[in-house]
Amino acid sequence: MTNAPSILESFRLDRKIALVTGSSSGIGLSIAIALAQAGATVACHGNSRPAEAAAEAIQKDGGSASAFSADLSDPTGAAQLFDAVIAAYGHVDILINNAGIILRHDAVDYPFEDWQKVMQVNLNSVFQLSQLVGRDLIARSSPGKIVNIASLLSFQGGIRVPAYAASKGGVAQLTKALANEWASKSIQVNAIAPGYIATDNTTALRNDETRNRQILERIPAGRWGQPNDIAATAVFLSSPAADYITGAILNVDGGWLAR
């Protein structure tokens, strides 16, 4: 037997500082809680107000977390968030770029201001935060993890969501580009592409009997995903267990894209 840590220990995130954007609810909330359960101290971000629910849930469970707010639809929001987290914790080891919005219009009528807002939140802020965190990690010669939340629409076009599809396609390619540049710095950059997940954002779809049936028929696993399905993957990609994985987009979709 060697003195190497056990495989379960390689999933621990003790003494790591993690920033999770868009962690007020849904997938982001589950990711924040899961990272804390794995040992990380978590900076929980909310867009319009601090992600108090996430921080309180973590603290109630005995973990360490604080709530932050920043408007990522504002080009200055990413820097403001980063500066606030650095002021509180000194550095960031793990960045989860989860915050995102979707605005639906027919492509011929898509307002350019909505296009710009979706791009700013879903893609520009992802680059801005990744650059800020990556720059600091490199300056400190410290290893780190960046996990971006992509989408099935990183691969498919969707309908009435051209800005969302373009932004999530961009997230997938940005993930690969940053992974290529920073792998030699021991910074792994990966993405998760969630399938249909049971959150508040998909309540209307699940309540539509016809649409719900059509979606389930298309998913080989035969069920909607749960936020914890994404959270578990985020913990893995944030941990030493994933040190040799970079530039990957992991589909957590019950087999949707394989069908």
C-alpha atoms as a PDB file:
ATOM      1  CA  MET A   1       0.000   0.000   0.000  1.00  0.00           C
ATOM      2  CA  THR A   2       1.157   3.535  -0.756  1.00  0.00           C
ATOM      3  CA  ASN A   3       0.704   6.651   1.328  1.00  0.00           C
ATOM      4  CA  ALA A   4      -1.514   8.261  -1.317  1.00  0.00           C
ATOM      5  CA  PRO A   5      -4.770   9.729   0.011  1.00  0.00           C
ATOM      6  CA  SER A   6      -7.864   7.579  -0.305  1.00  0.00           C
ATOM      7  CA  ILE A   7     -10.041   8.139  -3.353  1.00  0.00           C
ATOM      8  CA  LEU A   8     -12.768   9.726  -1.242  1.00  0.00           C
ATOM      9  CA  GLU A   9     -10.287  12.233   0.200  1.00  0.00           C
ATOM     10  CA  SER A  10      -9.497  13.376  -3.347  1.00  0.00           C
ATOM     11  CA  PHE A  11     -13.030  14.751  -3.574  1.00  0.00           C
ATOM     12  CA  ARG A  12     -12.588  16.970  -0.481  1.00  0.00           C
ATOM     13  CA  LEU A  13     -12.407  20.752  -0.815  1.00  0.00           C
ATOM     14  CA  ASP A  14     -11.133  21.645   2.640  1.00  0.00           C
ATOM     15  CA  ARG A  15      -9.473  25.075   2.964  1.00  0.00           C
ATOM     16  CA  LYS A  16     -10.666  26.087  -0.502  1.00  0.00           C
ATOM     17  CA  ILE A  17     -12.519  29.339  -1.228  1.00  0.00           C
ATOM     18  CA  ALA A  18     -15.265  28.928  -3.826  1.00  0.00           C
ATOM     19  CA  LEU A  19     -17.293  31.620  -5.581  1.00  0.00           C
ATOM     20  CA  VAL A  20     -20.639  30.483  -7.016  1.00  0.00           C
ATOM     21  CA  THR A  21     -22.500  33.001  -9.155  1.00  0.00           C
ATOM     22  CA  GLY A  22     -26.276  32.873  -9.345  1.00  0.00           C
ATOM     23  CA  SER A  23     -26.586  30.830  -6.161  1.00  0.00           C
ATOM     24  CA  SER A  24     -29.825  32.321  -4.840  1.00  0.00           C
ATOM     25  CA  SER A  25     -31.882  29.348  -6.042  1.00  0.00           C
ATOM     26  CA  GLY A  26     -32.007  26.298  -8.268  1.00  0.00           C
ATOM     27  CA  ILE A  27     -28.808  24.789  -9.608  1.00  0.00           C
ATOM     28  CA  GLY A  28     -26.574  27.489  -8.141  1.00  0.00           C
ATOM     29  CA  LEU A  29     -28.018  27.029  -4.666  1.00  0.00           C
ATOM     30  CA  SER A  30     -27.457  23.276  -4.826  1.00  0.00           C
ATOM     31  CA  ILE A  31     -23.896  23.728  -6.054  1.00  0.00           C
ATOM     32  CA  ALA A  32     -23.073  26.177  -3.258  1.00  0.00           C
ATOM     33  CA  ILE A  33     -24.414  23.810  -0.601  1.00  0.00           C
ATOM     34  CA  ALA A  34     -22.623  20.805  -2.120  1.00  0.00           C
ATOM     35  CA  LEU A  35     -19.268  22.595  -2.262  1.00  0.00           C
ATOM     36  CA  ALA A  36     -19.651  23.554   1.393  1.00  0.00           C
ATOM     37  CA  GLN A  37     -20.501  19.955   2.316  1.00  0.00           C
ATOM     38  CA  ALA A  38     -17.243  18.952   0.611  1.00  0.00           C
ATOM     39  CA  GLY A  39     -15.371  21.386   2.872  1.00  0.00           C
ATOM     40  CA  ALA A  40     -15.139  24.628   0.898  1.00  0.00           C
ATOM     41  CA  THR A  41     -15.861  28.096   2.203  1.00  0.00           C
ATOM     42  CA  VAL A  42     -18.399  29.509  -0.233  1.00  0.00           C
ATOM     43  CA  ALA A  43     -19.034  33.029  -1.496  1.00  0.00           C
ATOM     44  CA  CYS A  44     -22.691  32.918  -2.555  1.00  0.00           C
ATOM     45  CA  HIS A  45     -23.625  35.451  -5.235  1.00  0.00           C
ATOM     46  CA  GLY A  46     -27.047  36.861  -6.006  1.00  0.00           C
ATOM     47  CA  ASN A  47     -27.739  39.314  -8.806  1.00  0.00           C
ATOM     48  CA  SER A  48     -30.337  41.709  -7.406  1.00  0.00           C
ATOM     49  CA  ARG A  49     -29.670  40.919  -3.747  1.00  0.00           C
ATOM     50  CA  PRO A  50     -27.166  38.863  -1.726  1.00  0.00           C
ATOM     51  CA  ALA A  51     -27.713  35.088  -1.836  1.00  0.00           C
ATOM     52  CA  GLU A  52     -28.695  34.962   1.831  1.00  0.00           C
ATOM     53  CA  ALA A  53     -30.673  31.711   1.531  1.00  0.00           C
ATOM     54  CA  ALA A  54     -27.626  29.830   0.266  1.00  0.00           C
ATOM     55  CA  ALA A  55     -25.303  31.262   2.901  1.00  0.00           C
ATOM     56  CA  GLU A  56     -27.808  30.597   5.693  1.00  0.00           C
ATOM     57  CA  ALA A  57     -28.412  27.015   4.553  1.00  0.00           C
ATOM     58  CA  ILE A  58     -24.669  26.358   4.559  1.00  0.00           C
ATOM     59  CA  GLN A  59     -24.164  27.967   7.959  1.00  0.00           C
ATOM     60  CA  LYS A  60     -27.096  26.025   9.426  1.00  0.00           C
ATOM     61  CA  ASP A  61     -25.407  22.835   8.235  1.00  0.00           C
ATOM     62  CA  GLY A  62     -22.170  23.833   9.992  1.00  0.00           C
ATOM     63  CA  GLY A  63     -20.373  25.166   6.945  1.00  0.00           C
ATOM     64  CA  SER A  64     -18.783  28.519   6.182  1.00  0.00           C
ATOM     65  CA  ALA A  65     -20.331  30.961   3.705  1.00  0.00           C
ATOM     66  CA  SER A  66     -21.123  34.602   3.062  1.00  0.00           C
ATOM     67  CA  ALA A  67     -23.619  36.282   0.736  1.00  0.00           C
ATOM     68  CA  PHE A  68     -22.693  38.798  -1.951  1.00  0.00           C
ATOM     69  CA  SER A  69     -24.576  40.709  -4.610  1.00  0.00           C
ATOM     70  CA  ALA A  70     -23.536  42.188  -7.960  1.00  0.00           C
ATOM     71  CA  ASP A  71     -25.408  42.990 -11.160  1.00  0.00           C
ATOM     72  CA  LEU A  72     -23.680  40.857 -13.782  1.00  0.00           C
ATOM     73  CA  SER A  73     -25.750  42.492 -16.535  1.00  0.00           C
ATOM     74  CA  ASP A  74     -23.644  45.605 -15.840  1.00  0.00           C
ATOM     75  CA  PRO A  75     -20.169  45.410 -17.439  1.00  0.00           C
ATOM     76  CA  THR A  76     -18.675  46.549 -14.123  1.00  0.00           C
ATOM     77  CA  GLY A  77     -20.534  43.949 -12.045  1.00  0.00           C
ATOM     78  CA  ALA A  78     -18.006  41.122 -12.384  1.00  0.00           C
ATOM     79  CA  ALA A  79     -15.118  43.241 -11.140  1.00  0.00           C
ATOM     80  CA  GLN A  80     -17.216  44.570  -8.263  1.00  0.00           C
ATOM     81  CA  LEU A  81     -18.094  41.016  -7.219  1.00  0.00           C
ATOM     82  CA  PHE A  82     -14.505  39.800  -7.475  1.00  0.00           C
ATOM     83  CA  ASP A  83     -13.215  42.737  -5.449  1.00  0.00           C
ATOM     84  CA  ALA A  84     -15.814  42.138  -2.726  1.00  0.00           C
ATOM     85  CA  VAL A  85     -14.951  38.451  -2.432  1.00  0.00           C
ATOM     86  CA  ILE A  86     -11.210  39.180  -2.383  1.00  0.00           C
ATOM     87  CA  ALA A  87     -11.776  41.775   0.345  1.00  0.00           C
ATOM     88  CA  ALA A  88     -13.616  39.167   2.405  1.00  0.00           C
ATOM     89  CA  TYR A  89     -11.497  36.070   1.770  1.00  0.00           C
ATOM     90  CA  GLY A  90      -8.235  37.168   0.175  1.00  0.00           C
ATOM     91  CA  HIS A  91      -8.408  34.857  -2.829  1.00  0.00           C
ATOM     92  CA  VAL A  92     -10.584  32.447  -4.840  1.00  0.00           C
ATOM     93  CA  ASP A  93      -9.564  28.839  -5.503  1.00  0.00           C
ATOM     94  CA  ILE A  94     -12.747  27.656  -7.241  1.00  0.00           C
ATOM     95  CA  LEU A  95     -14.995  29.672  -9.550  1.00  0.00           C
ATOM     96  CA  ILE A  96     -18.400  28.348 -10.581  1.00  0.00           C
ATOM     97  CA  ASN A  97     -19.839  30.516 -13.374  1.00  0.00           C
ATOM     98  CA  ASN A  98     -23.485  29.562 -12.963  1.00  0.00           C
ATOM     99  CA  ALA A  99     -25.395  32.855 -13.326  1.00  0.00           C
ATOM    100  CA  GLY A 100     -27.428  33.091 -16.507  1.00  0.00           C
ATOM    101  CA  ILE A 101     -30.584  34.479 -18.070  1.00  0.00           C
ATOM    102  CA  ILE A 102     -32.800  33.501 -20.997  1.00  0.00           C
ATOM    103  CA  LEU A 103     -34.982  35.972 -22.930  1.00  0.00           C
ATOM    104  CA  ARG A 104     -37.290  34.610 -25.616  1.00  0.00           C
ATOM    105  CA  HIS A 105     -38.285  36.355 -28.859  1.00  0.00           C
ATOM    106  CA  ASP A 106     -38.609  35.363 -32.494  1.00  0.00           C
ATOM    107  CA  ALA A 107     -35.243  35.932 -34.132  1.00  0.00           C
ATOM    108  CA  VAL A 108     -36.674  38.447 -36.634  1.00  0.00           C
ATOM    109  CA  ASP A 109     -37.958  40.580 -33.755  1.00  0.00           C
ATOM    110  CA  TYR A 110     -35.188  39.992 -31.208  1.00  0.00           C
ATOM    111  CA  PRO A 111     -34.433  43.331 -29.495  1.00  0.00           C
ATOM    112  CA  PHE A 112     -30.735  44.128 -29.625  1.00  0.00           C
ATOM    113  CA  GLU A 113     -30.812  45.365 -26.032  1.00  0.00           C
ATOM    114  CA  ASP A 114     -32.029  41.909 -24.937  1.00  0.00           C
ATOM    115  CA  TRP A 115     -29.283  40.300 -27.041  1.00  0.00           C
ATOM    116  CA  GLN A 116     -26.687  42.462 -25.320  1.00  0.00           C
ATOM    117  CA  LYS A 117     -28.060  41.719 -21.838  1.00  0.00           C
ATOM    118  CA  VAL A 118     -28.024  37.953 -22.390  1.00  0.00           C
ATOM    119  CA  MET A 119     -24.506  38.105 -23.780  1.00  0.00           C
ATOM    120  CA  GLN A 120     -23.266  40.228 -20.898  1.00  0.00           C
ATOM    121  CA  VAL A 121     -24.625  37.927 -18.193  1.00  0.00           C
ATOM    122  CA  ASN A 122     -24.113  34.561 -19.883  1.00  0.00           C
ATOM    123  CA  LEU A 123     -20.802  35.073 -21.679  1.00  0.00           C
ATOM    124  CA  ASN A 124     -19.073  38.388 -21.002  1.00  0.00           C
ATOM    125  CA  SER A 125     -19.266  38.093 -17.217  1.00  0.00           C
ATOM    126  CA  VAL A 126     -18.048  34.492 -17.452  1.00  0.00           C
ATOM    127  CA  PHE A 127     -14.943  35.695 -19.261  1.00  0.00           C
ATOM    128  CA  GLN A 128     -14.502  38.675 -16.946  1.00  0.00           C
ATOM    129  CA  LEU A 129     -14.657  36.596 -13.761  1.00  0.00           C
ATOM    130  CA  SER A 130     -12.546  33.810 -15.231  1.00  0.00           C
ATOM    131  CA  GLN A 131      -9.899  36.322 -16.270  1.00  0.00           C
ATOM    132  CA  LEU A 132      -9.869  37.968 -12.827  1.00  0.00           C
ATOM    133  CA  VAL A 133      -9.658  34.654 -10.969  1.00  0.00           C
ATOM    134  CA  GLY A 134      -7.187  33.158 -13.443  1.00  0.00           C
ATOM    135  CA  ARG A 135      -4.933  36.201 -13.302  1.00  0.00           C
ATOM    136  CA  ASP A 136      -4.835  36.053  -9.500  1.00  0.00           C
ATOM    137  CA  LEU A 137      -4.199  32.293  -9.417  1.00  0.00           C
ATOM    138  CA  ILE A 138      -1.317  32.648 -11.876  1.00  0.00           C
ATOM    139  CA  ALA A 139       0.179  35.565  -9.941  1.00  0.00           C
ATOM    140  CA  ARG A 140       0.103  33.455  -6.767  1.00  0.00           C
ATOM    141  CA  SER A 141       1.369  30.300  -8.565  1.00  0.00           C
ATOM    142  CA  SER A 142      -1.657  28.567  -7.091  1.00  0.00           C
ATOM    143  CA  PRO A 143      -3.698  25.734  -8.632  1.00  0.00           C
ATOM    144  CA  GLY A 144      -7.373  26.393  -9.219  1.00  0.00           C
ATOM    145  CA  LYS A 145     -10.611  25.236 -10.787  1.00  0.00           C
ATOM    146  CA  ILE A 146     -13.076  27.046 -13.009  1.00  0.00           C
ATOM    147  CA  VAL A 147     -16.377  25.359 -13.806  1.00  0.00           C
ATOM    148  CA  ASN A 148     -18.733  26.995 -16.280  1.00  0.00           C
ATOM    149  CA  ILE A 149     -22.387  26.093 -16.601  1.00  0.00           C
ATOM    150  CA  ALA A 150     -23.049  25.559 -20.293  1.00  0.00           C
ATOM    151  CA  SER A 151     -26.267  24.068 -21.713  1.00  0.00           C
ATOM    152  CA  LEU A 152     -27.735  21.586 -24.153  1.00  0.00           C
ATOM    153  CA  LEU A 153     -27.946  24.696 -26.336  1.00  0.00           C
ATOM    154  CA  SER A 154     -24.172  24.771 -26.426  1.00  0.00           C
ATOM    155  CA  PHE A 155     -24.767  21.993 -28.986  1.00  0.00           C
ATOM    156  CA  GLN A 156     -28.314  22.585 -30.252  1.00  0.00           C
ATOM    157  CA  GLY A 157     -29.938  25.728 -31.638  1.00  0.00           C
ATOM    158  CA  GLY A 158     -33.211  25.820 -29.773  1.00  0.00           C
ATOM    159  CA  ILE A 159     -36.184  27.946 -30.842  1.00  0.00           C
ATOM    160  CA  ARG A 160     -36.789  31.625 -30.054  1.00  0.00           C
ATOM    161  CA  VAL A 161     -33.601  31.809 -27.962  1.00  0.00           C
ATOM    162  CA  PRO A 162     -30.867  32.918 -30.416  1.00  0.00           C
ATOM    163  CA  ALA A 163     -28.988  34.988 -27.824  1.00  0.00           C
ATOM    164  CA  TYR A 164     -29.066  32.219 -25.228  1.00  0.00           C
ATOM    165  CA  ALA A 165     -27.905  29.589 -27.736  1.00  0.00           C
ATOM    166  CA  ALA A 166     -25.119  31.854 -28.996  1.00  0.00           C
ATOM    167  CA  SER A 167     -23.992  32.696 -25.470  1.00  0.00           C
ATOM    168  CA  LYS A 168     -23.935  29.078 -24.333  1.00  0.00           C
ATOM    169  CA  GLY A 169     -22.111  28.018 -27.475  1.00  0.00           C
ATOM    170  CA  GLY A 170     -19.611  30.709 -26.585  1.00  0.00           C
ATOM    171  CA  VAL A 171     -19.296  29.386 -23.035  1.00  0.00           C
ATOM    172  CA  ALA A 172     -18.320  25.959 -24.390  1.00  0.00           C
ATOM    173  CA  GLN A 173     -15.663  27.401 -26.687  1.00  0.00           C
ATOM    174  CA  LEU A 174     -14.370  29.806 -24.029  1.00  0.00           C
ATOM    175  CA  THR A 175     -13.995  26.852 -21.678  1.00  0.00           C
ATOM    176  CA  LYS A 176     -11.725  25.104 -24.181  1.00  0.00           C
ATOM    177  CA  ALA A 177      -9.738  28.242 -24.967  1.00  0.00           C
ATOM    178  CA  LEU A 178      -8.991  29.012 -21.317  1.00  0.00           C
ATOM    179  CA  ALA A 179      -8.234  25.359 -20.605  1.00  0.00           C
ATOM    180  CA  ASN A 180      -5.588  25.369 -23.338  1.00  0.00           C
ATOM    181  CA  GLU A 181      -3.851  28.468 -21.971  1.00  0.00           C
ATOM    182  CA  TRP A 182      -3.992  27.634 -18.281  1.00  0.00           C
ATOM    183  CA  ALA A 183      -3.484  23.872 -18.078  1.00  0.00           C
ATOM    184  CA  SER A 184       0.252  24.358 -17.637  1.00  0.00           C
ATOM    185  CA  LYS A 185      -0.518  26.644 -14.678  1.00  0.00           C
ATOM    186  CA  SER A 186      -2.434  23.855 -12.881  1.00  0.00           C
ATOM    187  CA  ILE A 187      -5.740  25.620 -13.511  1.00  0.00           C
ATOM    188  CA  GLN A 188      -8.393  23.300 -14.870  1.00  0.00           C
ATOM    189  CA  VAL A 189     -11.284  24.867 -16.791  1.00  0.00           C
ATOM    190  CA  ASN A 190     -14.308  22.693 -17.532  1.00  0.00           C
ATOM    191  CA  ALA A 191     -18.021  23.059 -18.154  1.00  0.00           C
ATOM    192  CA  ILE A 192     -21.212  21.237 -17.293  1.00  0.00           C
ATOM    193  CA  ALA A 193     -24.048  21.104 -19.810  1.00  0.00           C
ATOM    194  CA  PRO A 194     -27.242  20.437 -17.853  1.00  0.00           C
ATOM    195  CA  GLY A 195     -30.195  18.757 -19.483  1.00  0.00           C
ATOM    196  CA  TYR A 196     -33.772  19.321 -18.384  1.00  0.00           C
ATOM    197  CA  ILE A 197     -33.536  20.024 -14.660  1.00  0.00           C
ATOM    198  CA  ALA A 198     -36.478  20.323 -12.252  1.00  0.00           C
ATOM    199  CA  THR A 199     -36.143  23.895 -10.969  1.00  0.00           C
ATOM    200  CA  ASP A 200     -38.462  26.888 -10.627  1.00  0.00           C
ATOM    201  CA  ASN A 201     -37.448  27.907 -14.152  1.00  0.00           C
ATOM    202  CA  THR A 202     -38.927  24.726 -15.622  1.00  0.00           C
ATOM    203  CA  THR A 203     -42.122  24.570 -13.575  1.00  0.00           C
ATOM    204  CA  ALA A 204     -44.298  25.669 -16.507  1.00  0.00           C
ATOM    205  CA  LEU A 205     -42.842  22.959 -18.751  1.00  0.00           C
ATOM    206  CA  ARG A 206     -43.366  20.252 -16.154  1.00  0.00           C
ATOM    207  CA  ASN A 207     -46.932  21.419 -15.543  1.00  0.00           C
ATOM    208  CA  ASP A 208     -47.724  21.259 -19.271  1.00  0.00           C
ATOM    209  CA  GLU A 209     -48.873  17.648 -19.629  1.00  0.00           C
ATOM    210  CA  THR A 210     -48.126  17.397 -23.356  1.00  0.00           C
ATOM    211  CA  ARG A 211     -44.757  19.132 -23.255  1.00  0.00           C
ATOM    212  CA  ASN A 212     -43.696  17.220 -20.128  1.00  0.00           C
ATOM    213  CA  ARG A 213     -44.535  13.917 -21.826  1.00  0.00           C
ATOM    214  CA  GLN A 214     -42.625  14.896 -24.966  1.00  0.00           C
ATOM    215  CA  ILE A 215     -39.543  15.827 -22.960  1.00  0.00           C
ATOM    216  CA  LEU A 216     -39.576  12.636 -20.890  1.00  0.00           C
ATOM    217  CA  GLU A 217     -39.983  10.517 -24.014  1.00  0.00           C
ATOM    218  CA  ARG A 218     -36.812  12.106 -25.396  1.00  0.00           C
ATOM    219  CA  ILE A 219     -34.709  11.482 -22.255  1.00  0.00           C
ATOM    220  CA  PRO A 220     -33.322   7.908 -22.135  1.00  0.00           C
ATOM    221  CA  ALA A 221     -33.166   8.062 -18.321  1.00  0.00           C
ATOM    222  CA  GLY A 222     -36.899   8.736 -18.325  1.00  0.00           C
ATOM    223  CA  ARG A 223     -36.845  11.481 -15.690  1.00  0.00           C
ATOM    224  CA  TRP A 224     -36.092  15.131 -15.161  1.00  0.00           C
ATOM    225  CA  GLY A 225     -32.714  15.871 -13.671  1.00  0.00           C
ATOM    226  CA  GLN A 226     -32.426  17.275 -10.163  1.00  0.00           C
ATOM    227  CA  PRO A 227     -30.230  20.218  -9.115  1.00  0.00           C
ATOM    228  CA  ASN A 228     -28.110  17.808  -7.064  1.00  0.00           C
ATOM    229  CA  ASP A 229     -27.224  15.939 -10.264  1.00  0.00           C
ATOM    230  CA  ILE A 230     -25.437  19.092 -11.400  1.00  0.00           C
ATOM    231  CA  ALA A 231     -24.077  19.893  -7.935  1.00  0.00           C
ATOM    232  CA  ALA A 232     -22.396  16.497  -7.625  1.00  0.00           C
ATOM    233  CA  THR A 233     -20.680  16.999 -10.977  1.00  0.00           C
ATOM    234  CA  ALA A 234     -19.548  20.474  -9.912  1.00  0.00           C
ATOM    235  CA  VAL A 235     -17.964  19.061  -6.750  1.00  0.00           C
ATOM    236  CA  PHE A 236     -16.108  16.469  -8.816  1.00  0.00           C
ATOM    237  CA  LEU A 237     -14.782  19.027 -11.315  1.00  0.00           C
ATOM    238  CA  SER A 238     -13.767  21.338  -8.456  1.00  0.00           C
ATOM    239  CA  SER A 239     -11.830  18.645  -6.630  1.00  0.00           C
ATOM    240  CA  PRO A 240      -8.361  17.080  -6.949  1.00  0.00           C
ATOM    241  CA  ALA A 241     -10.128  14.012  -8.370  1.00  0.00           C
ATOM    242  CA  ALA A 242     -10.471  15.996 -11.623  1.00  0.00           C
ATOM    243  CA  ASP A 243      -6.896  17.309 -11.799  1.00  0.00           C
ATOM    244  CA  TYR A 244      -6.301  15.639 -15.187  1.00  0.00           C
ATOM    245  CA  ILE A 245      -9.573  16.817 -16.732  1.00  0.00           C
ATOM    246  CA  THR A 246      -9.575  20.163 -18.521  1.00  0.00           C
ATOM    247  CA  GLY A 247     -11.372  21.608 -21.525  1.00  0.00           C
ATOM    248  CA  ALA A 248     -14.229  19.131 -21.091  1.00  0.00           C
ATOM    249  CA  ILE A 249     -17.942  19.840 -21.412  1.00  0.00           C
ATOM    250  CA  LEU A 250     -19.727  17.161 -19.377  1.00  0.00           C
ATOM    251  CA  ASN A 251     -23.309  16.541 -20.434  1.00  0.00           C
ATOM    252  CA  VAL A 252     -25.477  15.842 -17.396  1.00  0.00           C
ATOM    253  CA  ASP A 253     -28.661  15.255 -19.333  1.00  0.00           C
ATOM    254  CA  GLY A 254     -29.941  11.712 -18.727  1.00  0.00           C
ATOM    255  CA  GLY A 255     -28.735  10.777 -22.204  1.00  0.00           C
ATOM    256  CA  TRP A 256     -30.585  13.509 -24.142  1.00  0.00           C
ATOM    257  CA  LEU A 257     -27.693  14.335 -26.478  1.00  0.00           C
ATOM    258  CA  ALA A 258     -26.788  10.678 -27.012  1.00  0.00           C
ATOM    259  CA  ARG A 259     -30.204   9.861 -28.409  1.00  0.00           C
END
